[in-house]
Amino acid sequence: MARSATILLVEDDPDDAWLVCKAAQKTLLGIPVFVVPNGQEAVRYLKGEGPYADRRAYPLPDIVLLDLDIPLLNGFEVLRWMREQPRLKRLPVIVLTGSIQDSDATLAYEAGANSYLIKPTDYNQFVETMRGFGDFWLAGALLPDAAPQ
């Protein structure tokens, strides 16, 4: 990888979160992945509220991996909220979901998603998806700087 980055994973399914983190360990060496289990915690993390106020412990991410079907605030709501925030509107958001519905992809892009990836069901395919994600977003793309606190 050409760039060090921080990833925020918004995922309510512990098994899927484990798969993403395991695949990231294998393909995105040294890239920390912070996991929050719902949309409300994602907003708190991004705002730097509560336990997330310490940006040394919980840095502002360079990329958000966002599931759509999450509790409290769904992925679409989180995405719309992010795009309304001046500090977050350019933060890359990659939807990582099990939904293969064209309507969900359309809504995600309309809400401001930068990419839409479907979660593979096979571990090896998951690893390859994370490798492709890393090759493009972390090695190939020029990411905007994280906004200062």
N, C-alpha and C. Protein backbone atom coordinates (compact mmCIF):
# COMPACT_ATOMS: atom_id res chain seq x y z
N MET A 1 0.84 -1.19 0.00
CA MET A 1 0.00 0.00 0.00
C MET A 1 0.88 1.24 0.00
N ALA A 2 0.48 2.21 -0.75
CA ALA A 2 1.26 3.43 -0.87
C ALA A 2 0.93 4.44 0.22
N ARG A 3 -0.14 4.22 0.95
CA ARG A 3 -0.59 5.25 1.88
C ARG A 3 -1.07 4.59 3.17
N SER A 4 -0.75 5.22 4.28
CA SER A 4 -1.30 4.77 5.54
C SER A 4 -2.66 5.44 5.71
N ALA A 5 -3.62 4.72 6.23
CA ALA A 5 -4.96 5.27 6.37
C ALA A 5 -5.64 4.63 7.57
N THR A 6 -6.77 5.17 7.91
CA THR A 6 -7.62 4.61 8.96
C THR A 6 -8.98 4.35 8.34
N ILE A 7 -9.55 3.19 8.67
CA ILE A 7 -10.85 2.80 8.14
C ILE A 7 -11.84 2.70 9.28
N LEU A 8 -13.03 3.25 9.06
CA LEU A 8 -14.14 3.05 9.98
C LEU A 8 -15.11 2.09 9.31
N LEU A 9 -15.36 0.98 9.96
CA LEU A 9 -16.31 -0.01 9.47
C LEU A 9 -17.59 0.11 10.29
N VAL A 10 -18.71 0.35 9.62
CA VAL A 10 -20.00 0.43 10.28
C VAL A 10 -20.75 -0.84 9.91
N GLU A 11 -20.80 -1.77 10.86
CA GLU A 11 -21.33 -3.12 10.59
C GLU A 11 -21.93 -3.69 11.87
N ASP A 12 -23.20 -4.10 11.80
CA ASP A 12 -23.87 -4.63 12.97
C ASP A 12 -23.72 -6.14 13.14
N ASP A 13 -23.38 -6.85 12.10
CA ASP A 13 -23.24 -8.29 12.18
C ASP A 13 -21.81 -8.63 12.61
N PRO A 14 -21.64 -9.20 13.81
CA PRO A 14 -20.29 -9.50 14.29
C PRO A 14 -19.51 -10.44 13.37
N ASP A 15 -20.20 -11.37 12.73
CA ASP A 15 -19.51 -12.28 11.81
C ASP A 15 -18.98 -11.54 10.59
N ASP A 16 -19.80 -10.64 10.04
CA ASP A 16 -19.34 -9.85 8.89
C ASP A 16 -18.21 -8.91 9.29
N ALA A 17 -18.32 -8.30 10.47
CA ALA A 17 -17.26 -7.41 10.95
C ALA A 17 -15.95 -8.20 11.10
N TRP A 18 -16.05 -9.40 11.66
CA TRP A 18 -14.86 -10.24 11.81
C TRP A 18 -14.26 -10.56 10.45
N LEU A 19 -15.13 -10.91 9.47
CA LEU A 19 -14.63 -11.22 8.12
C LEU A 19 -13.90 -10.04 7.50
N VAL A 20 -14.48 -8.86 7.61
CA VAL A 20 -13.85 -7.67 7.05
C VAL A 20 -12.50 -7.43 7.72
N CYS A 21 -12.47 -7.49 9.04
CA CYS A 21 -11.22 -7.24 9.76
C CYS A 21 -10.18 -8.30 9.43
N LYS A 22 -10.58 -9.55 9.35
CA LYS A 22 -9.64 -10.63 9.03
C LYS A 22 -9.10 -10.45 7.60
N ALA A 23 -9.99 -10.15 6.66
CA ALA A 23 -9.56 -9.94 5.27
C ALA A 23 -8.67 -8.69 5.17
N ALA A 24 -8.97 -7.67 5.95
CA ALA A 24 -8.15 -6.46 5.96
C ALA A 24 -6.76 -6.76 6.51
N GLN A 25 -6.69 -7.57 7.58
CA GLN A 25 -5.39 -7.96 8.13
C GLN A 25 -4.54 -8.66 7.08
N LYS A 26 -5.20 -9.47 6.28
CA LYS A 26 -4.48 -10.26 5.28
C LYS A 26 -4.03 -9.41 4.09
N THR A 27 -4.81 -8.38 3.73
CA THR A 27 -4.54 -7.65 2.49
C THR A 27 -4.14 -6.20 2.69
N LEU A 28 -4.52 -5.59 3.80
CA LEU A 28 -4.24 -4.17 4.04
C LEU A 28 -3.31 -4.04 5.23
N LEU A 29 -2.16 -4.64 5.12
CA LEU A 29 -1.24 -4.75 6.24
C LEU A 29 -1.00 -3.42 6.95
N GLY A 30 -1.27 -3.42 8.23
CA GLY A 30 -1.01 -2.25 9.04
C GLY A 30 -2.09 -1.19 9.03
N ILE A 31 -3.15 -1.38 8.27
CA ILE A 31 -4.21 -0.39 8.20
C ILE A 31 -5.20 -0.69 9.32
N PRO A 32 -5.36 0.22 10.28
CA PRO A 32 -6.30 -0.05 11.37
C PRO A 32 -7.75 0.08 10.91
N VAL A 33 -8.58 -0.85 11.40
CA VAL A 33 -10.01 -0.83 11.12
C VAL A 33 -10.73 -0.68 12.45
N PHE A 34 -11.46 0.41 12.61
CA PHE A 34 -12.27 0.65 13.79
C PHE A 34 -13.70 0.26 13.45
N VAL A 35 -14.36 -0.47 14.34
CA VAL A 35 -15.69 -1.00 14.06
C VAL A 35 -16.70 -0.39 15.02
N VAL A 36 -17.82 0.08 14.46
CA VAL A 36 -18.96 0.49 15.27
C VAL A 36 -20.17 -0.31 14.78
N PRO A 37 -21.11 -0.65 15.72
CA PRO A 37 -22.16 -1.61 15.39
C PRO A 37 -23.46 -1.03 14.85
N ASN A 38 -23.57 0.29 14.75
CA ASN A 38 -24.83 0.85 14.28
C ASN A 38 -24.62 2.28 13.78
N GLY A 39 -25.67 2.82 13.16
CA GLY A 39 -25.56 4.16 12.59
C GLY A 39 -25.38 5.25 13.62
N GLN A 40 -26.02 5.09 14.76
CA GLN A 40 -25.89 6.09 15.81
C GLN A 40 -24.45 6.18 16.32
N GLU A 41 -23.82 5.02 16.51
CA GLU A 41 -22.41 5.01 16.95
C GLU A 41 -21.49 5.56 15.85
N ALA A 42 -21.84 5.33 14.60
CA ALA A 42 -21.05 5.89 13.50
C ALA A 42 -21.05 7.41 13.57
N VAL A 43 -22.23 7.99 13.79
CA VAL A 43 -22.33 9.45 13.90
C VAL A 43 -21.55 9.94 15.11
N ARG A 44 -21.66 9.26 16.23
CA ARG A 44 -20.91 9.67 17.43
C ARG A 44 -19.40 9.59 17.17
N TYR A 45 -18.96 8.52 16.51
CA TYR A 45 -17.53 8.38 16.18
C TYR A 45 -17.09 9.54 15.29
N LEU A 46 -17.85 9.80 14.23
CA LEU A 46 -17.46 10.84 13.28
C LEU A 46 -17.51 12.24 13.89
N LYS A 47 -18.41 12.45 14.83
CA LYS A 47 -18.48 13.74 15.54
C LYS A 47 -17.39 13.86 16.60
N GLY A 48 -16.85 12.72 17.03
CA GLY A 48 -15.87 12.73 18.11
C GLY A 48 -16.54 12.91 19.46
N GLU A 49 -17.70 12.28 19.65
CA GLU A 49 -18.46 12.42 20.89
C GLU A 49 -18.22 11.23 21.81
N GLY A 50 -18.41 11.49 23.12
CA GLY A 50 -18.33 10.42 24.10
C GLY A 50 -16.97 9.74 24.07
N PRO A 51 -16.95 8.41 24.02
CA PRO A 51 -15.67 7.71 24.06
C PRO A 51 -14.80 7.99 22.84
N TYR A 52 -15.39 8.53 21.79
CA TYR A 52 -14.64 8.79 20.55
C TYR A 52 -14.01 10.18 20.52
N ALA A 53 -14.10 10.91 21.62
CA ALA A 53 -13.56 12.28 21.68
C ALA A 53 -12.03 12.29 21.59
N ASP A 54 -11.38 11.23 22.03
CA ASP A 54 -9.93 11.15 21.99
C ASP A 54 -9.50 10.73 20.58
N ARG A 55 -9.11 11.70 19.76
CA ARG A 55 -8.77 11.40 18.36
C ARG A 55 -7.45 10.65 18.24
N ARG A 56 -6.64 10.58 19.29
CA ARG A 56 -5.46 9.73 19.23
C ARG A 56 -5.87 8.27 19.31
N ALA A 57 -6.88 7.99 20.12
CA ALA A 57 -7.38 6.62 20.25
C ALA A 57 -8.37 6.26 19.14
N TYR A 58 -9.16 7.25 18.70
CA TYR A 58 -10.18 7.04 17.67
C TYR A 58 -10.02 8.11 16.59
N PRO A 59 -9.04 7.93 15.71
CA PRO A 59 -8.76 8.96 14.71
C PRO A 59 -9.91 9.11 13.71
N LEU A 60 -10.05 10.32 13.19
CA LEU A 60 -11.00 10.53 12.12
C LEU A 60 -10.60 9.63 10.96
N PRO A 61 -11.52 8.85 10.43
CA PRO A 61 -11.13 7.90 9.38
C PRO A 61 -10.82 8.59 8.06
N ASP A 62 -10.08 7.89 7.24
CA ASP A 62 -9.80 8.33 5.88
C ASP A 62 -10.80 7.74 4.90
N ILE A 63 -11.42 6.63 5.32
CA ILE A 63 -12.41 5.92 4.50
C ILE A 63 -13.43 5.30 5.45
N VAL A 64 -14.69 5.30 5.02
CA VAL A 64 -15.75 4.63 5.78
C VAL A 64 -16.27 3.47 4.93
N LEU A 65 -16.31 2.28 5.52
CA LEU A 65 -16.98 1.13 4.93
C LEU A 65 -18.33 1.02 5.65
N LEU A 66 -19.42 1.15 4.92
CA LEU A 66 -20.73 1.32 5.51
C LEU A 66 -21.72 0.27 5.03
N ASP A 67 -22.24 -0.50 5.98
CA ASP A 67 -23.34 -1.40 5.66
C ASP A 67 -24.62 -0.57 5.59
N LEU A 68 -25.57 -1.01 4.80
CA LEU A 68 -26.83 -0.28 4.68
C LEU A 68 -27.85 -0.71 5.72
N ASP A 69 -27.90 -1.99 6.01
CA ASP A 69 -28.91 -2.54 6.90
C ASP A 69 -28.36 -2.61 8.32
N ILE A 70 -28.32 -1.44 8.98
CA ILE A 70 -27.80 -1.34 10.34
C ILE A 70 -28.86 -0.69 11.22
N PRO A 71 -28.83 -0.97 12.53
CA PRO A 71 -29.86 -0.42 13.42
C PRO A 71 -29.62 1.05 13.81
N LEU A 72 -30.66 1.61 14.38
CA LEU A 72 -30.75 2.96 14.95
C LEU A 72 -30.78 4.03 13.86
N LEU A 73 -29.79 4.14 13.05
CA LEU A 73 -29.81 4.94 11.82
C LEU A 73 -29.32 3.99 10.74
N ASN A 74 -30.06 3.85 9.64
CA ASN A 74 -29.58 2.94 8.60
C ASN A 74 -28.45 3.60 7.80
N GLY A 75 -27.84 2.82 6.94
CA GLY A 75 -26.70 3.33 6.18
C GLY A 75 -27.03 4.52 5.31
N PHE A 76 -28.22 4.56 4.74
CA PHE A 76 -28.62 5.71 3.92
C PHE A 76 -28.69 6.97 4.77
N GLU A 77 -29.24 6.84 5.99
CA GLU A 77 -29.35 8.00 6.89
C GLU A 77 -27.98 8.49 7.32
N VAL A 78 -27.09 7.57 7.63
CA VAL A 78 -25.72 7.95 8.00
C VAL A 78 -25.05 8.67 6.84
N LEU A 79 -25.19 8.13 5.66
CA LEU A 79 -24.57 8.71 4.47
C LEU A 79 -25.11 10.11 4.19
N ARG A 80 -26.42 10.28 4.26
CA ARG A 80 -27.01 11.62 4.05
C ARG A 80 -26.51 12.60 5.10
N TRP A 81 -26.46 12.15 6.37
CA TRP A 81 -25.96 13.02 7.44
C TRP A 81 -24.51 13.43 7.16
N MET A 82 -23.68 12.46 6.76
CA MET A 82 -22.28 12.77 6.49
C MET A 82 -22.14 13.82 5.40
N ARG A 83 -22.91 13.70 4.35
CA ARG A 83 -22.79 14.62 3.21
C ARG A 83 -23.29 16.03 3.53
N GLU A 84 -24.01 16.17 4.65
CA GLU A 84 -24.44 17.49 5.11
C GLU A 84 -23.40 18.16 6.00
N GLN A 85 -22.40 17.41 6.44
CA GLN A 85 -21.38 17.93 7.35
C GLN A 85 -20.20 18.48 6.55
N PRO A 86 -19.89 19.76 6.71
CA PRO A 86 -18.77 20.33 5.93
C PRO A 86 -17.46 19.55 6.11
N ARG A 87 -17.18 19.05 7.32
CA ARG A 87 -15.92 18.34 7.57
C ARG A 87 -15.91 16.93 6.98
N LEU A 88 -17.09 16.41 6.64
CA LEU A 88 -17.17 15.01 6.23
C LEU A 88 -17.66 14.81 4.80
N LYS A 89 -18.05 15.88 4.15
CA LYS A 89 -18.72 15.70 2.86
C LYS A 89 -17.82 15.10 1.78
N ARG A 90 -16.51 15.22 1.92
CA ARG A 90 -15.60 14.62 0.93
C ARG A 90 -14.99 13.30 1.40
N LEU A 91 -15.32 12.88 2.61
CA LEU A 91 -14.79 11.64 3.15
C LEU A 91 -15.31 10.47 2.31
N PRO A 92 -14.43 9.66 1.72
CA PRO A 92 -14.88 8.54 0.89
C PRO A 92 -15.70 7.53 1.70
N VAL A 93 -16.86 7.20 1.16
CA VAL A 93 -17.74 6.21 1.77
C VAL A 93 -17.97 5.09 0.76
N ILE A 94 -17.57 3.90 1.16
CA ILE A 94 -17.76 2.73 0.33
C ILE A 94 -18.83 1.89 1.00
N VAL A 95 -19.96 1.74 0.32
CA VAL A 95 -21.01 0.88 0.85
C VAL A 95 -20.55 -0.56 0.68
N LEU A 96 -20.63 -1.31 1.77
CA LEU A 96 -20.28 -2.74 1.77
C LEU A 96 -21.48 -3.46 2.33
N THR A 97 -22.26 -4.06 1.45
CA THR A 97 -23.58 -4.56 1.83
C THR A 97 -23.88 -5.91 1.20
N GLY A 98 -24.85 -6.57 1.75
CA GLY A 98 -25.34 -7.81 1.17
C GLY A 98 -26.42 -7.58 0.13
N SER A 99 -26.89 -6.35 0.01
CA SER A 99 -27.98 -6.05 -0.91
C SER A 99 -27.52 -6.03 -2.37
N ILE A 100 -28.21 -6.80 -3.18
CA ILE A 100 -27.92 -6.80 -4.63
C ILE A 100 -29.00 -6.03 -5.39
N GLN A 101 -29.83 -5.29 -4.67
CA GLN A 101 -30.92 -4.54 -5.28
C GLN A 101 -30.38 -3.31 -6.01
N ASP A 102 -30.73 -3.18 -7.28
CA ASP A 102 -30.34 -1.98 -8.04
C ASP A 102 -30.85 -0.72 -7.37
N SER A 103 -32.04 -0.79 -6.78
CA SER A 103 -32.62 0.40 -6.13
C SER A 103 -31.77 0.84 -4.94
N ASP A 104 -31.21 -0.11 -4.18
CA ASP A 104 -30.34 0.25 -3.06
C ASP A 104 -29.05 0.91 -3.56
N ALA A 105 -28.48 0.36 -4.62
CA ALA A 105 -27.27 0.96 -5.19
C ALA A 105 -27.56 2.38 -5.68
N THR A 106 -28.69 2.55 -6.37
CA THR A 106 -29.06 3.88 -6.87
C THR A 106 -29.23 4.86 -5.72
N LEU A 107 -29.96 4.44 -4.68
CA LEU A 107 -30.17 5.32 -3.52
C LEU A 107 -28.85 5.65 -2.82
N ALA A 108 -27.97 4.66 -2.72
CA ALA A 108 -26.68 4.90 -2.07
C ALA A 108 -25.86 5.93 -2.84
N TYR A 109 -25.81 5.78 -4.16
CA TYR A 109 -25.06 6.76 -4.96
C TYR A 109 -25.71 8.13 -4.90
N GLU A 110 -27.03 8.19 -4.92
CA GLU A 110 -27.72 9.47 -4.82
C GLU A 110 -27.47 10.14 -3.47
N ALA A 111 -27.29 9.33 -2.43
CA ALA A 111 -27.01 9.88 -1.09
C ALA A 111 -25.55 10.30 -0.93
N GLY A 112 -24.69 9.92 -1.88
CA GLY A 112 -23.30 10.36 -1.83
C GLY A 112 -22.25 9.28 -1.68
N ALA A 113 -22.63 8.01 -1.85
CA ALA A 113 -21.63 6.94 -1.78
C ALA A 113 -20.61 7.09 -2.90
N ASN A 114 -19.38 6.73 -2.62
CA ASN A 114 -18.32 6.76 -3.63
C ASN A 114 -18.19 5.44 -4.36
N SER A 115 -18.65 4.37 -3.73
CA SER A 115 -18.58 3.05 -4.34
C SER A 115 -19.59 2.15 -3.65
N TYR A 116 -19.98 1.08 -4.34
CA TYR A 116 -20.97 0.14 -3.82
C TYR A 116 -20.44 -1.26 -4.05
N LEU A 117 -20.07 -1.92 -2.95
CA LEU A 117 -19.53 -3.28 -3.03
C LEU A 117 -20.50 -4.25 -2.37
N ILE A 118 -20.70 -5.40 -3.00
CA ILE A 118 -21.55 -6.43 -2.44
C ILE A 118 -20.68 -7.41 -1.66
N LYS A 119 -21.09 -7.70 -0.43
CA LYS A 119 -20.33 -8.61 0.42
C LYS A 119 -20.35 -10.01 -0.18
N PRO A 120 -19.19 -10.56 -0.42
CA PRO A 120 -19.14 -11.96 -0.87
C PRO A 120 -19.52 -12.88 0.29
N THR A 121 -19.98 -14.06 -0.03
CA THR A 121 -20.32 -15.03 1.01
C THR A 121 -19.16 -15.98 1.30
N ASP A 122 -18.23 -16.07 0.39
CA ASP A 122 -17.07 -16.95 0.53
C ASP A 122 -15.88 -16.14 1.08
N TYR A 123 -15.17 -16.71 2.05
CA TYR A 123 -14.05 -16.00 2.67
C TYR A 123 -12.99 -15.60 1.65
N ASN A 124 -12.60 -16.50 0.76
CA ASN A 124 -11.57 -16.17 -0.22
C ASN A 124 -12.00 -15.04 -1.14
N GLN A 125 -13.28 -15.03 -1.51
CA GLN A 125 -13.80 -13.93 -2.32
C GLN A 125 -13.80 -12.63 -1.51
N PHE A 126 -14.08 -12.75 -0.21
CA PHE A 126 -14.04 -11.57 0.67
C PHE A 126 -12.63 -10.99 0.69
N VAL A 127 -11.64 -11.87 0.80
CA VAL A 127 -10.24 -11.42 0.79
C VAL A 127 -9.94 -10.69 -0.52
N GLU A 128 -10.37 -11.25 -1.63
CA GLU A 128 -10.11 -10.63 -2.93
C GLU A 128 -10.85 -9.29 -3.06
N THR A 129 -12.05 -9.20 -2.51
CA THR A 129 -12.78 -7.92 -2.52
C THR A 129 -12.01 -6.87 -1.72
N MET A 130 -11.51 -7.25 -0.56
CA MET A 130 -10.74 -6.31 0.26
C MET A 130 -9.42 -5.95 -0.43
N ARG A 131 -8.82 -6.89 -1.12
CA ARG A 131 -7.58 -6.60 -1.86
C ARG A 131 -7.87 -5.56 -2.96
N GLY A 132 -8.95 -5.76 -3.70
CA GLY A 132 -9.33 -4.81 -4.74
C GLY A 132 -9.66 -3.44 -4.16
N PHE A 133 -10.36 -3.44 -3.04
CA PHE A 133 -10.66 -2.18 -2.34
C PHE A 133 -9.36 -1.47 -1.98
N GLY A 134 -8.43 -2.19 -1.38
CA GLY A 134 -7.16 -1.60 -0.98
C GLY A 134 -6.33 -1.12 -2.15
N ASP A 135 -6.30 -1.93 -3.21
CA ASP A 135 -5.53 -1.54 -4.39
C ASP A 135 -6.04 -0.23 -4.98
N PHE A 136 -7.36 -0.09 -5.04
CA PHE A 136 -7.90 1.13 -5.62
C PHE A 136 -7.87 2.29 -4.63
N TRP A 137 -8.51 2.13 -3.47
CA TRP A 137 -8.71 3.25 -2.56
C TRP A 137 -7.47 3.64 -1.77
N LEU A 138 -6.59 2.70 -1.49
CA LEU A 138 -5.44 3.01 -0.65
C LEU A 138 -4.13 3.10 -1.43
N ALA A 139 -4.02 2.40 -2.54
CA ALA A 139 -2.79 2.45 -3.32
C ALA A 139 -2.93 3.32 -4.56
N GLY A 140 -4.13 3.41 -5.12
CA GLY A 140 -4.31 4.11 -6.38
C GLY A 140 -4.93 5.48 -6.27
N ALA A 141 -5.92 5.63 -5.42
CA ALA A 141 -6.67 6.90 -5.35
C ALA A 141 -5.96 7.89 -4.44
N LEU A 142 -6.10 9.15 -4.77
CA LEU A 142 -5.61 10.23 -3.90
C LEU A 142 -6.76 10.61 -2.98
N LEU A 143 -6.61 10.30 -1.69
CA LEU A 143 -7.66 10.58 -0.72
C LEU A 143 -7.51 11.99 -0.19
N PRO A 144 -8.66 12.62 0.14
CA PRO A 144 -8.57 13.94 0.76
C PRO A 144 -7.98 13.80 2.17
N ASP A 145 -7.29 14.84 2.62
CA ASP A 145 -6.75 14.82 3.99
C ASP A 145 -7.91 14.79 4.97
N ALA A 146 -7.69 14.08 6.07
CA ALA A 146 -8.67 14.10 7.15
C ALA A 146 -8.76 15.52 7.69
N ALA A 147 -9.98 15.95 7.96
CA ALA A 147 -10.19 17.31 8.45
C ALA A 147 -9.60 17.47 9.85
N PRO A 148 -8.97 18.61 10.12
CA PRO A 148 -8.42 18.82 11.46
C PRO A 148 -9.56 18.93 12.47
N GLN A 149 -9.26 18.57 13.69
CA GLN A 149 -10.27 18.59 14.77
C GLN A 149 -10.62 20.00 15.16
